[in-house]
């Protein structure tokens, strides 16, 4: 069933015999966090995934800054454009439209 060269057998629920010779990639309490977060295997895996995502998207911070600038510009520009539209169309709104048939 197993190789005789393998000295250690590790539990793996996703393997067909639920045992494998490959050690888990991370262990509980392999790290110490400054804020006192427990260093469980799932927390270490989450931290590794977060770091890999951060390292893969170098332009993420630039996109966030650009989006914030866009929102701030829109917050100023949209009310200004709305004011101009209402001011220009006020003459049309308040004027009386009468139909005069041709003679």
N, C-alpha and C. Protein backbone atom coordinates (compact mmCIF):
# COMPACT_ATOMS: atom_id res chain seq x y z
N UNK A 1 0.82 -1.19 0.00
CA UNK A 1 0.00 0.00 0.00
C UNK A 1 0.87 1.25 0.00
N UNK A 2 1.90 1.33 0.83
CA UNK A 2 2.78 2.49 0.89
C UNK A 2 4.19 2.08 0.55
N UNK A 3 4.99 3.06 0.12
CA UNK A 3 6.40 2.83 -0.13
C UNK A 3 7.12 2.55 1.18
N UNK A 4 8.07 1.70 1.15
CA UNK A 4 8.85 1.43 2.37
C UNK A 4 9.89 2.50 2.60
N UNK A 5 10.19 3.32 1.57
CA UNK A 5 11.17 4.39 1.71
C UNK A 5 10.61 5.59 2.47
N UNK A 6 9.30 5.69 2.56
CA UNK A 6 8.67 6.82 3.23
C UNK A 6 8.73 6.58 4.73
N UNK A 7 9.35 7.52 5.44
CA UNK A 7 9.49 7.37 6.88
C UNK A 7 8.28 7.90 7.64
N UNK A 8 7.66 8.93 7.11
CA UNK A 8 6.54 9.55 7.79
C UNK A 8 5.30 9.47 6.91
N UNK A 9 4.19 9.21 7.52
CA UNK A 9 2.90 9.18 6.82
C UNK A 9 2.06 10.32 7.39
N UNK A 10 1.52 11.16 6.51
CA UNK A 10 0.73 12.30 6.92
C UNK A 10 -0.71 12.12 6.48
N UNK A 11 -1.60 12.60 7.31
CA UNK A 11 -3.04 12.50 7.03
C UNK A 11 -3.41 13.54 5.98
N UNK A 12 -4.15 13.11 4.97
CA UNK A 12 -4.65 13.99 3.92
C UNK A 12 -6.04 13.51 3.53
N UNK A 13 -7.10 14.24 3.90
CA UNK A 13 -8.46 13.78 3.62
C UNK A 13 -8.79 13.74 2.13
N UNK A 14 -8.02 14.42 1.28
CA UNK A 14 -8.32 14.48 -0.14
C UNK A 14 -7.58 13.41 -0.94
N UNK A 15 -6.71 12.68 -0.30
CA UNK A 15 -5.99 11.60 -0.95
C UNK A 15 -6.83 10.34 -0.84
N UNK A 16 -6.74 9.43 -1.81
CA UNK A 16 -7.63 8.27 -1.84
C UNK A 16 -7.51 7.40 -0.59
N UNK A 17 -6.30 7.17 -0.11
CA UNK A 17 -6.15 6.34 1.10
C UNK A 17 -6.07 7.19 2.36
N UNK A 18 -6.24 8.49 2.23
CA UNK A 18 -6.19 9.47 3.32
C UNK A 18 -4.85 9.50 4.02
N UNK A 19 -3.83 9.08 3.34
CA UNK A 19 -2.47 9.14 3.88
C UNK A 19 -1.52 9.38 2.72
N UNK A 20 -0.51 10.20 2.98
CA UNK A 20 0.47 10.51 1.95
C UNK A 20 1.82 10.72 2.59
N UNK A 21 2.87 10.60 1.81
CA UNK A 21 4.21 10.80 2.32
C UNK A 21 4.65 12.25 2.27
N UNK A 22 3.85 13.12 1.63
CA UNK A 22 4.22 14.52 1.52
C UNK A 22 3.74 15.28 2.75
N UNK A 23 4.63 15.99 3.37
CA UNK A 23 4.28 16.77 4.56
C UNK A 23 3.43 17.97 4.17
N UNK A 24 2.61 18.45 5.09
CA UNK A 24 1.83 19.65 4.80
C UNK A 24 2.76 20.84 4.55
N UNK A 25 2.38 21.76 3.67
CA UNK A 25 3.26 22.88 3.34
C UNK A 25 3.44 23.88 4.48
N UNK A 26 2.50 23.95 5.42
CA UNK A 26 2.65 24.85 6.56
C UNK A 26 2.13 24.14 7.81
N UNK A 27 2.58 24.60 8.94
CA UNK A 27 2.23 23.99 10.22
C UNK A 27 1.59 25.02 11.12
N UNK A 28 0.90 24.54 12.15
CA UNK A 28 0.37 25.45 13.16
C UNK A 28 1.52 26.07 13.93
N UNK A 29 1.38 27.33 14.28
CA UNK A 29 2.32 28.08 15.10
C UNK A 29 3.73 28.10 14.51
N UNK A 30 3.82 28.18 13.20
CA UNK A 30 5.13 28.31 12.56
C UNK A 30 5.59 29.77 12.60
N UNK A 31 4.64 30.70 12.81
CA UNK A 31 4.92 32.13 12.88
C UNK A 31 4.43 32.70 14.20
N UNK A 32 4.94 33.88 14.53
CA UNK A 32 4.41 34.63 15.67
C UNK A 32 4.00 36.00 15.16
N UNK A 33 2.73 36.35 15.34
CA UNK A 33 2.23 37.64 14.90
C UNK A 33 2.38 38.66 16.02
N UNK A 34 2.71 39.90 15.66
CA UNK A 34 2.91 40.95 16.65
C UNK A 34 1.62 41.33 17.38
N UNK A 35 0.48 41.20 16.68
CA UNK A 35 -0.78 41.61 17.29
C UNK A 35 -1.46 40.50 18.08
N UNK A 36 -0.83 39.34 18.19
CA UNK A 36 -1.39 38.25 18.99
C UNK A 36 -2.35 37.35 18.25
N UNK A 37 -2.43 37.47 16.93
CA UNK A 37 -3.29 36.60 16.14
C UNK A 37 -2.79 35.17 16.24
N UNK A 38 -3.67 34.20 16.50
CA UNK A 38 -3.21 32.81 16.57
C UNK A 38 -2.68 32.33 15.22
N UNK A 39 -1.54 31.68 15.23
CA UNK A 39 -0.88 31.26 13.99
C UNK A 39 -1.34 29.86 13.61
N UNK A 40 -2.60 29.75 13.20
CA UNK A 40 -3.12 28.46 12.75
C UNK A 40 -2.74 28.24 11.30
N UNK A 41 -2.90 27.03 10.83
CA UNK A 41 -2.54 26.72 9.44
C UNK A 41 -3.41 27.52 8.47
N UNK A 42 -4.69 27.68 8.79
CA UNK A 42 -5.57 28.44 7.90
C UNK A 42 -5.18 29.92 7.87
N UNK A 43 -4.75 30.48 9.01
CA UNK A 43 -4.33 31.89 9.04
C UNK A 43 -3.05 32.09 8.24
N UNK A 44 -2.12 31.15 8.36
CA UNK A 44 -0.87 31.24 7.60
C UNK A 44 -1.17 31.13 6.10
N UNK A 45 -2.08 30.23 5.72
CA UNK A 45 -2.45 30.09 4.31
C UNK A 45 -3.11 31.36 3.80
N UNK A 46 -3.96 31.97 4.62
CA UNK A 46 -4.61 33.22 4.22
C UNK A 46 -3.58 34.33 4.03
N UNK A 47 -2.60 34.41 4.93
CA UNK A 47 -1.56 35.43 4.80
C UNK A 47 -0.72 35.22 3.55
N UNK A 48 -0.40 33.98 3.24
CA UNK A 48 0.39 33.68 2.04
C UNK A 48 -0.40 34.07 0.79
N UNK A 49 -1.69 33.74 0.75
CA UNK A 49 -2.53 34.09 -0.41
C UNK A 49 -2.66 35.60 -0.55
N UNK A 50 -2.81 36.31 0.56
CA UNK A 50 -2.91 37.77 0.52
C UNK A 50 -1.62 38.38 -0.01
N UNK A 51 -0.48 37.86 0.45
CA UNK A 51 0.80 38.37 -0.03
C UNK A 51 0.97 38.10 -1.52
N UNK A 52 0.62 36.91 -1.98
CA UNK A 52 0.77 36.58 -3.40
C UNK A 52 -0.12 37.46 -4.27
N UNK A 53 -1.33 37.76 -3.78
CA UNK A 53 -2.20 38.65 -4.54
C UNK A 53 -1.63 40.05 -4.60
N UNK A 54 -1.09 40.53 -3.47
CA UNK A 54 -0.49 41.85 -3.44
C UNK A 54 0.72 41.91 -4.38
N UNK A 55 1.54 40.86 -4.39
CA UNK A 55 2.73 40.84 -5.23
C UNK A 55 2.36 40.73 -6.72
N UNK A 56 1.24 40.11 -7.03
CA UNK A 56 0.85 39.92 -8.44
C UNK A 56 0.26 41.18 -9.05
N UNK A 57 -0.41 42.02 -8.25
CA UNK A 57 -1.07 43.21 -8.78
C UNK A 57 -0.32 44.46 -8.35
N UNK A 58 0.70 44.81 -9.07
CA UNK A 58 1.51 45.97 -8.71
C UNK A 58 0.75 47.28 -8.93
N UNK A 59 -0.19 47.30 -9.86
CA UNK A 59 -0.90 48.53 -10.18
C UNK A 59 -2.15 48.73 -9.32
N UNK A 60 -2.40 47.87 -8.36
CA UNK A 60 -3.63 47.94 -7.56
C UNK A 60 -3.72 49.27 -6.80
N UNK A 61 -2.63 49.71 -6.17
CA UNK A 61 -2.67 50.97 -5.42
C UNK A 61 -2.88 52.16 -6.34
N UNK A 62 -2.28 52.12 -7.51
CA UNK A 62 -2.46 53.22 -8.47
C UNK A 62 -3.91 53.27 -8.95
N UNK A 63 -4.53 52.11 -9.18
CA UNK A 63 -5.94 52.09 -9.60
C UNK A 63 -6.85 52.63 -8.51
N UNK A 64 -6.56 52.31 -7.26
CA UNK A 64 -7.38 52.82 -6.17
C UNK A 64 -7.26 54.33 -6.06
N UNK A 65 -6.05 54.87 -6.20
CA UNK A 65 -5.87 56.32 -6.17
C UNK A 65 -6.60 57.00 -7.32
N UNK A 66 -6.52 56.40 -8.51
CA UNK A 66 -7.19 56.97 -9.67
C UNK A 66 -8.71 56.94 -9.49
N UNK A 67 -9.24 55.87 -8.93
CA UNK A 67 -10.68 55.78 -8.68
C UNK A 67 -11.14 56.81 -7.66
N UNK A 68 -10.33 57.03 -6.63
CA UNK A 68 -10.68 58.03 -5.62
C UNK A 68 -10.68 59.43 -6.24
N UNK A 69 -9.69 59.72 -7.09
CA UNK A 69 -9.66 61.02 -7.77
C UNK A 69 -10.89 61.18 -8.66
N UNK A 70 -11.29 60.12 -9.34
CA UNK A 70 -12.47 60.16 -10.21
C UNK A 70 -13.73 60.45 -9.39
N UNK A 71 -13.88 59.79 -8.25
CA UNK A 71 -15.06 60.03 -7.41
C UNK A 71 -15.08 61.45 -6.87
N UNK A 72 -13.93 61.95 -6.45
CA UNK A 72 -13.88 63.31 -5.93
C UNK A 72 -14.17 64.33 -7.03
N UNK A 73 -13.64 64.11 -8.23
CA UNK A 73 -13.93 65.00 -9.35
C UNK A 73 -15.40 64.96 -9.74
N UNK A 74 -15.97 63.77 -9.72
CA UNK A 74 -17.40 63.63 -10.06
C UNK A 74 -18.28 64.31 -9.02
N UNK A 75 -17.87 64.24 -7.76
CA UNK A 75 -18.66 64.88 -6.71
C UNK A 75 -18.71 66.40 -6.89
N UNK A 76 -17.69 66.97 -7.50
CA UNK A 76 -17.69 68.42 -7.77
C UNK A 76 -18.36 68.73 -9.10
N UNK A 77 -18.08 67.93 -10.10
CA UNK A 77 -18.53 68.22 -11.47
C UNK A 77 -20.03 67.98 -11.67
N UNK A 78 -20.58 66.93 -11.11
CA UNK A 78 -22.00 66.60 -11.33
C UNK A 78 -22.93 67.68 -10.80
N UNK A 79 -22.75 68.18 -9.56
CA UNK A 79 -23.64 69.27 -9.13
C UNK A 79 -23.48 70.54 -9.98
N UNK A 80 -22.26 70.83 -10.42
CA UNK A 80 -22.02 72.00 -11.27
C UNK A 80 -22.76 71.87 -12.60
N UNK A 81 -22.67 70.73 -13.23
CA UNK A 81 -23.36 70.49 -14.50
C UNK A 81 -24.87 70.53 -14.30
N UNK A 82 -25.36 69.98 -13.19
CA UNK A 82 -26.80 70.02 -12.91
C UNK A 82 -27.27 71.47 -12.75
N UNK A 83 -26.48 72.28 -12.06
CA UNK A 83 -26.85 73.69 -11.89
C UNK A 83 -26.90 74.40 -13.23
N UNK A 84 -25.89 74.18 -14.07
CA UNK A 84 -25.89 74.82 -15.39
C UNK A 84 -27.09 74.38 -16.23
N UNK A 85 -27.42 73.12 -16.17
CA UNK A 85 -28.56 72.62 -16.94
C UNK A 85 -29.85 73.26 -16.46
N UNK A 86 -30.05 73.32 -15.16
CA UNK A 86 -31.30 73.90 -14.65
C UNK A 86 -31.36 75.40 -14.91
N UNK A 87 -30.21 76.08 -14.87
CA UNK A 87 -30.19 77.52 -15.13
C UNK A 87 -30.49 77.82 -16.60
N UNK A 88 -29.94 77.03 -17.50
CA UNK A 88 -30.17 77.25 -18.94
C UNK A 88 -31.60 76.91 -19.34
N UNK A 89 -32.15 75.87 -18.74
CA UNK A 89 -33.48 75.45 -19.16
C UNK A 89 -34.58 76.15 -18.36
N UNK A 90 -34.23 77.06 -17.44
CA UNK A 90 -35.27 77.75 -16.66
C UNK A 90 -36.12 78.65 -17.55
N UNK A 91 -35.51 79.24 -18.60
CA UNK A 91 -36.29 80.09 -19.51
C UNK A 91 -37.31 79.25 -20.28
N UNK A 92 -36.95 78.05 -20.63
CA UNK A 92 -37.89 77.18 -21.34
C UNK A 92 -38.98 76.67 -20.40
N UNK A 93 -38.62 76.42 -19.18
CA UNK A 93 -39.60 75.90 -18.23
C UNK A 93 -40.62 76.96 -17.83
N UNK A 94 -40.18 78.20 -17.68
CA UNK A 94 -41.10 79.24 -17.21
C UNK A 94 -41.84 79.96 -18.35
N UNK A 95 -41.39 79.78 -19.55
CA UNK A 95 -42.04 80.45 -20.68
C UNK A 95 -43.35 79.79 -21.07
N UNK A 96 -44.24 80.60 -21.63
CA UNK A 96 -45.53 80.08 -22.06
C UNK A 96 -45.44 79.71 -23.53
N UNK A 97 -45.84 78.52 -23.85
CA UNK A 97 -45.82 78.06 -25.23
C UNK A 97 -47.24 78.11 -25.75
N UNK A 98 -47.43 78.88 -26.80
CA UNK A 98 -48.77 79.02 -27.38
C UNK A 98 -48.70 78.66 -28.86
N UNK A 99 -49.73 78.00 -29.30
CA UNK A 99 -49.81 77.61 -30.69
C UNK A 99 -50.54 78.70 -31.44
N UNK A 100 -49.93 79.19 -32.50
CA UNK A 100 -50.58 80.20 -33.34
C UNK A 100 -50.75 79.59 -34.72
N UNK A 101 -51.97 79.33 -35.06
CA UNK A 101 -52.22 78.72 -36.39
C UNK A 101 -51.90 79.71 -37.50
N UNK A 102 -51.45 79.20 -38.63
CA UNK A 102 -51.14 80.11 -39.76
C UNK A 102 -52.42 80.74 -40.32
N UNK A 103 -52.32 81.95 -40.84
CA UNK A 103 -53.50 82.67 -41.37
C UNK A 103 -53.68 82.48 -42.83
